[in-house]
Amino acid sequence: MRFAGPQSAPMGDGMVMIRPERIHVGTGSQPAMIERVTFAGSSLRIALNVGGVKLIAEIPNDEHSRNLEEDKATHIDLLADAVRVLPLN
């Protein structure tokens, strides 16, 4: 995955961190495949494959999440202010 960052950011390998509740499922422009949906009471944990990268999203268990099924394509949105990049040095 590639993310746009500040022009002054050093180039190199890093680890990307994002809290599961900050991943928006069913909206956005990034294609993803739903691998697993796990019921967790008032929320659902969604295992996603995004171009070979595995992500876990946590979303409210409400009427907007009813169409999310395993082995189904969807889209996600990762808000830039929610992403943290840690250099691997």
PDB file of N, CA and C in Angstrom:
ATOM      1  N   MET A   1       0.836  -1.175   0.000  1.00  0.00           N
ATOM      2  CA  MET A   1       0.000   0.000   0.000  1.00  0.00           C
ATOM      3  C   MET A   1       0.880   1.237   0.000  1.00  0.00           C
ATOM      4  N   ARG A   2       0.405   2.268  -0.628  1.00  0.00           N
ATOM      5  CA  ARG A   2       1.111   3.550  -0.615  1.00  0.00           C
ATOM      6  C   ARG A   2       0.187   4.599  -0.031  1.00  0.00           C
ATOM      7  N   PHE A   3       0.791   5.475   0.749  1.00  0.00           N
ATOM      8  CA  PHE A   3       0.051   6.579   1.353  1.00  0.00           C
ATOM      9  C   PHE A   3       0.765   7.869   1.013  1.00  0.00           C
ATOM     10  N   ALA A   4      -0.004   8.904   0.770  1.00  0.00           N
ATOM     11  CA  ALA A   4       0.581  10.225   0.557  1.00  0.00           C
ATOM     12  C   ALA A   4       0.926  10.817   1.912  1.00  0.00           C
ATOM     13  N   GLY A   5       2.095  11.396   2.000  1.00  0.00           N
ATOM     14  CA  GLY A   5       2.522  12.012   3.251  1.00  0.00           C
ATOM     15  C   GLY A   5       3.120  13.370   2.987  1.00  0.00           C
ATOM     16  N   PRO A   6       3.626  14.003   4.023  1.00  0.00           N
ATOM     17  CA  PRO A   6       4.248  15.315   3.844  1.00  0.00           C
ATOM     18  C   PRO A   6       5.422  15.236   2.877  1.00  0.00           C
ATOM     19  N   GLN A   7       5.628  16.284   2.111  1.00  0.00           N
ATOM     20  CA  GLN A   7       6.732  16.333   1.160  1.00  0.00           C
ATOM     21  C   GLN A   7       8.082  16.167   1.845  1.00  0.00           C
ATOM     22  N   SER A   8       8.195  16.602   3.093  1.00  0.00           N
ATOM     23  CA  SER A   8       9.475  16.545   3.797  1.00  0.00           C
ATOM     24  C   SER A   8       9.712  15.215   4.508  1.00  0.00           C
ATOM     25  N   ALA A   9       8.763  14.285   4.412  1.00  0.00           N
ATOM     26  CA  ALA A   9       8.919  12.997   5.095  1.00  0.00           C
ATOM     27  C   ALA A   9      10.027  12.190   4.429  1.00  0.00           C
ATOM     28  N   PRO A  10      10.882  11.527   5.225  1.00  0.00           N
ATOM     29  CA  PRO A  10      11.936  10.700   4.637  1.00  0.00           C
ATOM     30  C   PRO A  10      11.335   9.472   3.950  1.00  0.00           C
ATOM     31  N   MET A  11      11.967   9.043   2.882  1.00  0.00           N
ATOM     32  CA  MET A  11      11.517   7.851   2.164  1.00  0.00           C
ATOM     33  C   MET A  11      12.098   6.621   2.842  1.00  0.00           C
ATOM     34  N   GLY A  12      11.389   5.504   2.742  1.00  0.00           N
ATOM     35  CA  GLY A  12      11.895   4.249   3.283  1.00  0.00           C
ATOM     36  C   GLY A  12      10.766   3.369   3.768  1.00  0.00           C
ATOM     37  N   ASP A  13      11.151   2.207   4.266  1.00  0.00           N
ATOM     38  CA  ASP A  13      10.171   1.250   4.765  1.00  0.00           C
ATOM     39  C   ASP A  13       9.638   1.690   6.112  1.00  0.00           C
ATOM     40  N   GLY A  14       8.402   1.324   6.359  1.00  0.00           N
ATOM     41  CA  GLY A  14       7.787   1.668   7.634  1.00  0.00           C
ATOM     42  C   GLY A  14       6.642   0.731   7.948  1.00  0.00           C
ATOM     43  N   MET A  15       6.128   0.840   9.140  1.00  0.00           N
ATOM     44  CA  MET A  15       4.963   0.077   9.568  1.00  0.00           C
ATOM     45  C   MET A  15       3.808   1.052   9.714  1.00  0.00           C
ATOM     46  N   VAL A  16       2.679   0.708   9.106  1.00  0.00           N
ATOM     47  CA  VAL A  16       1.504   1.569   9.152  1.00  0.00           C
ATOM     48  C   VAL A  16       0.574   1.067  10.242  1.00  0.00           C
ATOM     49  N   MET A  17       0.133   1.983  11.094  1.00  0.00           N
ATOM     50  CA  MET A  17      -0.772   1.641  12.189  1.00  0.00           C
ATOM     51  C   MET A  17      -2.048   2.466  12.037  1.00  0.00           C
ATOM     52  N   ILE A  18      -3.185   1.807  12.252  1.00  0.00           N
ATOM     53  CA  ILE A  18      -4.470   2.500  12.264  1.00  0.00           C
ATOM     54  C   ILE A  18      -5.401   1.744  13.202  1.00  0.00           C
ATOM     55  N   ARG A  19      -6.145   2.468  14.002  1.00  0.00           N
ATOM     56  CA  ARG A  19      -7.089   1.822  14.917  1.00  0.00           C
ATOM     57  C   ARG A  19      -8.233   1.216  14.104  1.00  0.00           C
ATOM     58  N   PRO A  20      -8.698   0.016  14.477  1.00  0.00           N
ATOM     59  CA  PRO A  20      -9.741  -0.668  13.698  1.00  0.00           C
ATOM     60  C   PRO A  20     -11.019   0.147  13.516  1.00  0.00           C
ATOM     61  N   GLU A  21     -11.375   0.960  14.497  1.00  0.00           N
ATOM     62  CA  GLU A  21     -12.615   1.741  14.387  1.00  0.00           C
ATOM     63  C   GLU A  21     -12.470   2.950  13.463  1.00  0.00           C
ATOM     64  N   ARG A  22     -11.253   3.249  13.013  1.00  0.00           N
ATOM     65  CA  ARG A  22     -11.033   4.383  12.107  1.00  0.00           C
ATOM     66  C   ARG A  22     -11.057   3.970  10.635  1.00  0.00           C
ATOM     67  N   ILE A  23     -11.255   2.673  10.364  1.00  0.00           N
ATOM     68  CA  ILE A  23     -11.386   2.188   8.991  1.00  0.00           C
ATOM     69  C   ILE A  23     -12.870   2.193   8.634  1.00  0.00           C
ATOM     70  N   HIS A  24     -13.230   2.930   7.607  1.00  0.00           N
ATOM     71  CA  HIS A  24     -14.628   3.014   7.174  1.00  0.00           C
ATOM     72  C   HIS A  24     -14.862   1.962   6.095  1.00  0.00           C
ATOM     73  N   VAL A  25     -15.776   1.039   6.344  1.00  0.00           N
ATOM     74  CA  VAL A  25     -16.060  -0.061   5.418  1.00  0.00           C
ATOM     75  C   VAL A  25     -17.347   0.241   4.652  1.00  0.00           C
ATOM     76  N   GLY A  26     -17.311  -0.004   3.334  1.00  0.00           N
ATOM     77  CA  GLY A  26     -18.489   0.210   2.499  1.00  0.00           C
ATOM     78  C   GLY A  26     -18.505   1.566   1.834  1.00  0.00           C
ATOM     79  N   THR A  27     -17.522   2.396   2.143  1.00  0.00           N
ATOM     80  CA  THR A  27     -17.387   3.713   1.520  1.00  0.00           C
ATOM     81  C   THR A  27     -15.941   3.874   1.075  1.00  0.00           C
ATOM     82  N   GLY A  28     -15.668   4.909   0.349  1.00  0.00           N
ATOM     83  CA  GLY A  28     -14.295   5.187  -0.043  1.00  0.00           C
ATOM     84  C   GLY A  28     -13.956   4.626  -1.409  1.00  0.00           C
ATOM     85  N   SER A  29     -12.703   4.804  -1.796  1.00  0.00           N
ATOM     86  CA  SER A  29     -12.270   4.426  -3.140  1.00  0.00           C
ATOM     87  C   SER A  29     -11.316   3.241  -3.156  1.00  0.00           C
ATOM     88  N   GLN A  30     -10.865   2.789  -1.991  1.00  0.00           N
ATOM     89  CA  GLN A  30      -9.898   1.686  -1.928  1.00  0.00           C
ATOM     90  C   GLN A  30     -10.636   0.342  -1.961  1.00  0.00           C
ATOM     91  N   PRO A  31     -10.462  -0.468  -3.026  1.00  0.00           N
ATOM     92  CA  PRO A  31     -11.129  -1.765  -3.075  1.00  0.00           C
ATOM     93  C   PRO A  31     -10.586  -2.707  -2.004  1.00  0.00           C
ATOM     94  N   ALA A  32     -11.462  -3.539  -1.461  1.00  0.00           N
ATOM     95  CA  ALA A  32     -11.084  -4.508  -0.429  1.00  0.00           C
ATOM     96  C   ALA A  32     -11.981  -5.732  -0.551  1.00  0.00           C
ATOM     97  N   MET A  33     -11.476  -6.858  -0.057  1.00  0.00           N
ATOM     98  CA  MET A  33     -12.255  -8.093  -0.013  1.00  0.00           C
ATOM     99  C   MET A  33     -12.511  -8.433   1.450  1.00  0.00           C
ATOM    100  N   ILE A  34     -13.762  -8.719   1.779  1.00  0.00           N
ATOM    101  CA  ILE A  34     -14.114  -9.117   3.144  1.00  0.00           C
ATOM    102  C   ILE A  34     -13.783 -10.595   3.299  1.00  0.00           C
ATOM    103  N   GLU A  35     -12.885 -10.915   4.226  1.00  0.00           N
ATOM    104  CA  GLU A  35     -12.506 -12.305   4.455  1.00  0.00           C
ATOM    105  C   GLU A  35     -13.292 -12.944   5.591  1.00  0.00           C
ATOM    106  N   ARG A  36     -13.615 -12.147   6.612  1.00  0.00           N
ATOM    107  CA  ARG A  36     -14.325 -12.704   7.769  1.00  0.00           C
ATOM    108  C   ARG A  36     -15.112 -11.598   8.454  1.00  0.00           C
ATOM    109  N   VAL A  37     -16.307 -11.934   8.929  1.00  0.00           N
ATOM    110  CA  VAL A  37     -17.141 -11.025   9.714  1.00  0.00           C
ATOM    111  C   VAL A  37     -17.407 -11.715  11.045  1.00  0.00           C
ATOM    112  N   THR A  38     -17.030 -11.054  12.146  1.00  0.00           N
ATOM    113  CA  THR A  38     -17.191 -11.631  13.478  1.00  0.00           C
ATOM    114  C   THR A  38     -18.110 -10.744  14.303  1.00  0.00           C
ATOM    115  N   PHE A  39     -19.191 -11.332  14.799  1.00  0.00           N
ATOM    116  CA  PHE A  39     -20.139 -10.629  15.662  1.00  0.00           C
ATOM    117  C   PHE A  39     -19.481 -10.379  17.014  1.00  0.00           C
ATOM    118  N   ALA A  40     -19.535  -9.144  17.492  1.00  0.00           N
ATOM    119  CA  ALA A  40     -18.955  -8.776  18.790  1.00  0.00           C
ATOM    120  C   ALA A  40     -19.938  -7.890  19.555  1.00  0.00           C
ATOM    121  N   GLY A  41     -21.181  -8.334  19.645  1.00  0.00           N
ATOM    122  CA  GLY A  41     -22.193  -7.560  20.363  1.00  0.00           C
ATOM    123  C   GLY A  41     -22.629  -6.349  19.572  1.00  0.00           C
ATOM    124  N   SER A  42     -22.339  -5.176  20.084  1.00  0.00           N
ATOM    125  CA  SER A  42     -22.764  -3.942  19.420  1.00  0.00           C
ATOM    126  C   SER A  42     -21.869  -3.556  18.245  1.00  0.00           C
ATOM    127  N   SER A  43     -20.834  -4.354  17.977  1.00  0.00           N
ATOM    128  CA  SER A  43     -19.955  -4.066  16.847  1.00  0.00           C
ATOM    129  C   SER A  43     -19.658  -5.346  16.069  1.00  0.00           C
ATOM    130  N   LEU A  44     -19.103  -5.156  14.877  1.00  0.00           N
ATOM    131  CA  LEU A  44     -18.631  -6.254  14.041  1.00  0.00           C
ATOM    132  C   LEU A  44     -17.152  -6.047  13.785  1.00  0.00           C
ATOM    133  N   ARG A  45     -16.381  -7.127  13.840  1.00  0.00           N
ATOM    134  CA  ARG A  45     -14.968  -7.079  13.449  1.00  0.00           C
ATOM    135  C   ARG A  45     -14.880  -7.664  12.049  1.00  0.00           C
ATOM    136  N   ILE A  46     -14.337  -6.878  11.138  1.00  0.00           N
ATOM    137  CA  ILE A  46     -14.276  -7.251   9.731  1.00  0.00           C
ATOM    138  C   ILE A  46     -12.815  -7.464   9.346  1.00  0.00           C
ATOM    139  N   ALA A  47     -12.467  -8.698   8.939  1.00  0.00           N
ATOM    140  CA  ALA A  47     -11.125  -8.987   8.421  1.00  0.00           C
ATOM    141  C   ALA A  47     -11.144  -8.680   6.928  1.00  0.00           C
ATOM    142  N   LEU A  48     -10.229  -7.819   6.501  1.00  0.00           N
ATOM    143  CA  LEU A  48     -10.185  -7.340   5.122  1.00  0.00           C
ATOM    144  C   LEU A  48      -8.860  -7.692   4.462  1.00  0.00           C
ATOM    145  N   ASN A  49      -8.900  -7.901   3.156  1.00  0.00           N
ATOM    146  CA  ASN A  49      -7.696  -8.033   2.351  1.00  0.00           C
ATOM    147  C   ASN A  49      -7.711  -6.871   1.370  1.00  0.00           C
ATOM    148  N   VAL A  50      -6.716  -6.012   1.497  1.00  0.00           N
ATOM    149  CA  VAL A  50      -6.621  -4.815   0.655  1.00  0.00           C
ATOM    150  C   VAL A  50      -5.339  -4.933  -0.157  1.00  0.00           C
ATOM    151  N   GLY A  51      -5.441  -5.476  -1.348  1.00  0.00           N
ATOM    152  CA  GLY A  51      -4.266  -5.639  -2.198  1.00  0.00           C
ATOM    153  C   GLY A  51      -3.179  -6.479  -1.565  1.00  0.00           C
ATOM    154  N   GLY A  52      -3.547  -7.515  -0.832  1.00  0.00           N
ATOM    155  CA  GLY A  52      -2.578  -8.381  -0.164  1.00  0.00           C
ATOM    156  C   GLY A  52      -2.235  -7.959   1.250  1.00  0.00           C
ATOM    157  N   VAL A  53      -2.689  -6.787   1.664  1.00  0.00           N
ATOM    158  CA  VAL A  53      -2.464  -6.292   3.028  1.00  0.00           C
ATOM    159  C   VAL A  53      -3.681  -6.645   3.872  1.00  0.00           C
ATOM    160  N   LYS A  54      -3.442  -7.258   5.026  1.00  0.00           N
ATOM    161  CA  LYS A  54      -4.532  -7.656   5.923  1.00  0.00           C
ATOM    162  C   LYS A  54      -4.830  -6.525   6.900  1.00  0.00           C
ATOM    163  N   LEU A  55      -6.112  -6.165   7.012  1.00  0.00           N
ATOM    164  CA  LEU A  55      -6.561  -5.140   7.950  1.00  0.00           C
ATOM    165  C   LEU A  55      -7.737  -5.678   8.747  1.00  0.00           C
ATOM    166  N   ILE A  56      -7.897  -5.189   9.961  1.00  0.00           N
ATOM    167  CA  ILE A  56      -9.060  -5.496  10.787  1.00  0.00           C
ATOM    168  C   ILE A  56      -9.794  -4.186  11.035  1.00  0.00           C
ATOM    169  N   ALA A  57     -11.073  -4.160  10.679  1.00  0.00           N
ATOM    170  CA  ALA A  57     -11.918  -2.994  10.938  1.00  0.00           C
ATOM    171  C   ALA A  57     -12.937  -3.362  12.004  1.00  0.00           C
ATOM    172  N   GLU A  58     -13.325  -2.386  12.797  1.00  0.00           N
ATOM    173  CA  GLU A  58     -14.393  -2.578  13.776  1.00  0.00           C
ATOM    174  C   GLU A  58     -15.449  -1.520  13.512  1.00  0.00           C
ATOM    175  N   ILE A  59     -16.664  -1.984  13.220  1.00  0.00           N
ATOM    176  CA  ILE A  59     -17.736  -1.066  12.856  1.00  0.00           C
ATOM    177  C   ILE A  59     -18.964  -1.336  13.713  1.00  0.00           C
ATOM    178  N   PRO A  60     -19.851  -0.351  13.845  1.00  0.00           N
ATOM    179  CA  PRO A  60     -21.086  -0.575  14.608  1.00  0.00           C
ATOM    180  C   PRO A  60     -21.940  -1.669  13.961  1.00  0.00           C
ATOM    181  N   ASN A  61     -22.568  -2.472  14.781  1.00  0.00           N
ATOM    182  CA  ASN A  61     -23.491  -3.500  14.307  1.00  0.00           C
ATOM    183  C   ASN A  61     -24.869  -2.849  14.181  1.00  0.00           C
ATOM    184  N   ASP A  62     -25.117  -2.247  13.011  1.00  0.00           N
ATOM    185  CA  ASP A  62     -26.376  -1.533  12.793  1.00  0.00           C
ATOM    186  C   ASP A  62     -26.901  -1.819  11.392  1.00  0.00           C
ATOM    187  N   GLU A  63     -27.914  -1.075  10.976  1.00  0.00           N
ATOM    188  CA  GLU A  63     -28.534  -1.326   9.673  1.00  0.00           C
ATOM    189  C   GLU A  63     -27.577  -1.098   8.506  1.00  0.00           C
ATOM    190  N   HIS A  64     -26.525  -0.301   8.681  1.00  0.00           N
ATOM    191  CA  HIS A  64     -25.566  -0.044   7.608  1.00  0.00           C
ATOM    192  C   HIS A  64     -24.606  -1.210   7.396  1.00  0.00           C
ATOM    193  N   SER A  65     -24.503  -2.102   8.370  1.00  0.00           N
ATOM    194  CA  SER A  65     -23.556  -3.213   8.270  1.00  0.00           C
ATOM    195  C   SER A  65     -24.216  -4.513   7.814  1.00  0.00           C
ATOM    196  N   ARG A  66     -25.494  -4.505   7.560  1.00  0.00           N
ATOM    197  CA  ARG A  66     -26.226  -5.734   7.231  1.00  0.00           C
ATOM    198  C   ARG A  66     -25.772  -6.383   5.913  1.00  0.00           C
ATOM    199  N   ASN A  67     -25.282  -5.604   4.963  1.00  0.00           N
ATOM    200  CA  ASN A  67     -24.897  -6.147   3.656  1.00  0.00           C
ATOM    201  C   ASN A  67     -23.456  -6.617   3.582  1.00  0.00           C
ATOM    202  N   LEU A  68     -22.720  -6.547   4.677  1.00  0.00           N
ATOM    203  CA  LEU A  68     -21.322  -6.963   4.662  1.00  0.00           C
ATOM    204  C   LEU A  68     -21.243  -8.467   4.887  1.00  0.00           C
ATOM    205  N   GLU A  69     -20.755  -9.184   3.882  1.00  0.00           N
ATOM    206  CA  GLU A  69     -20.690 -10.634   3.934  1.00  0.00           C
ATOM    207  C   GLU A  69     -19.294 -11.114   3.573  1.00  0.00           C
ATOM    208  N   GLU A  70     -18.918 -12.279   4.109  1.00  0.00           N
ATOM    209  CA  GLU A  70     -17.625 -12.878   3.798  1.00  0.00           C
ATOM    210  C   GLU A  70     -17.516 -13.178   2.307  1.00  0.00           C
ATOM    211  N   ASP A  71     -16.288 -13.076   1.787  1.00  0.00           N
ATOM    212  CA  ASP A  71     -15.975 -13.328   0.377  1.00  0.00           C
ATOM    213  C   ASP A  71     -16.700 -12.379  -0.567  1.00  0.00           C
ATOM    214  N   LYS A  72     -16.991 -11.181  -0.086  1.00  0.00           N
ATOM    215  CA  LYS A  72     -17.669 -10.172  -0.899  1.00  0.00           C
ATOM    216  C   LYS A  72     -16.757  -8.950  -1.039  1.00  0.00           C
ATOM    217  N   ALA A  73     -16.748  -8.358  -2.222  1.00  0.00           N
ATOM    218  CA  ALA A  73     -15.951  -7.154  -2.456  1.00  0.00           C
ATOM    219  C   ALA A  73     -16.639  -5.947  -1.833  1.00  0.00           C
ATOM    220  N   THR A  74     -15.824  -5.008  -1.369  1.00  0.00           N
ATOM    221  CA  THR A  74     -16.328  -3.762  -0.808  1.00  0.00           C
ATOM    222  C   THR A  74     -15.291  -2.677  -1.071  1.00  0.00           C
ATOM    223  N   HIS A  75     -15.476  -1.527  -0.488  1.00  0.00           N
ATOM    224  CA  HIS A  75     -14.504  -0.436  -0.541  1.00  0.00           C
ATOM    225  C   HIS A  75     -14.285   0.070   0.874  1.00  0.00           C
ATOM    226  N   ILE A  76     -13.103   0.603   1.116  1.00  0.00           N
ATOM    227  CA  ILE A  76     -12.813   1.176   2.428  1.00  0.00           C
ATOM    228  C   ILE A  76     -12.243   2.574   2.264  1.00  0.00           C
ATOM    229  N   ASP A  77     -12.268   3.291   3.363  1.00  0.00           N
ATOM    230  CA  ASP A  77     -11.692   4.629   3.423  1.00  0.00           C
ATOM    231  C   ASP A  77     -10.810   4.693   4.658  1.00  0.00           C
ATOM    232  N   LEU A  78      -9.573   5.105   4.471  1.00  0.00           N
ATOM    233  CA  LEU A  78      -8.635   5.325   5.572  1.00  0.00           C
ATOM    234  C   LEU A  78      -8.376   6.822   5.644  1.00  0.00           C
ATOM    235  N   LEU A  79      -8.833   7.459   6.684  1.00  0.00           N
ATOM    236  CA  LEU A  79      -8.633   8.897   6.822  1.00  0.00           C
ATOM    237  C   LEU A  79      -7.170   9.183   7.143  1.00  0.00           C
ATOM    238  N   ALA A  80      -6.595  10.133   6.438  1.00  0.00           N
ATOM    239  CA  ALA A  80      -5.170  10.428   6.577  1.00  0.00           C
ATOM    240  C   ALA A  80      -4.777  10.756   8.010  1.00  0.00           C
ATOM    241  N   ASP A  81      -5.626  11.465   8.751  1.00  0.00           N
ATOM    242  CA  ASP A  81      -5.261  11.834  10.121  1.00  0.00           C
ATOM    243  C   ASP A  81      -5.337  10.652  11.086  1.00  0.00           C
ATOM    244  N   ALA A  82      -5.877   9.512  10.633  1.00  0.00           N
ATOM    245  CA  ALA A  82      -5.978   8.328  11.488  1.00  0.00           C
ATOM    246  C   ALA A  82      -4.797   7.377  11.300  1.00  0.00           C
ATOM    247  N   VAL A  83      -4.003   7.595  10.257  1.00  0.00           N
ATOM    248  CA  VAL A  83      -2.893   6.701   9.927  1.00  0.00           C
ATOM    249  C   VAL A  83      -1.609   7.196  10.584  1.00  0.00           C
ATOM    250  N   ARG A  84      -0.873   6.259  11.191  1.00  0.00           N
ATOM    251  CA  ARG A  84       0.440   6.560  11.774  1.00  0.00           C
ATOM    252  C   ARG A  84       1.472   5.680  11.079  1.00  0.00           C
ATOM    253  N   VAL A  85       2.581   6.264  10.671  1.00  0.00           N
ATOM    254  CA  VAL A  85       3.655   5.519  10.024  1.00  0.00           C
ATOM    255  C   VAL A  85       4.868   5.542  10.941  1.00  0.00           C
ATOM    256  N   LEU A  86       5.341   4.348  11.291  1.00  0.00           N
ATOM    257  CA  LEU A  86       6.522   4.209  12.137  1.00  0.00           C
ATOM    258  C   LEU A  86       7.669   3.717  11.267  1.00  0.00           C
ATOM    259  N   PRO A  87       8.809   4.429  11.241  1.00  0.00           N
ATOM    260  CA  PRO A  87       9.942   3.984  10.433  1.00  0.00           C
ATOM    261  C   PRO A  87      10.511   2.673  10.971  1.00  0.00           C
ATOM    262  N   LEU A  88      10.978   1.821  10.068  1.00  0.00           N
ATOM    263  CA  LEU A  88      11.608   0.552  10.453  1.00  0.00           C
ATOM    264  C   LEU A  88      13.125   0.729  10.447  1.00  0.00           C
ATOM    265  N   ASN A  89      13.630   1.450  11.402  1.00  0.00           N
ATOM    266  CA  ASN A  89      15.089   1.688  11.501  1.00  0.00           C
ATOM    267  C   ASN A  89      15.598   1.119  12.788  1.00  0.00           C
TER     268      ASN A  89
END
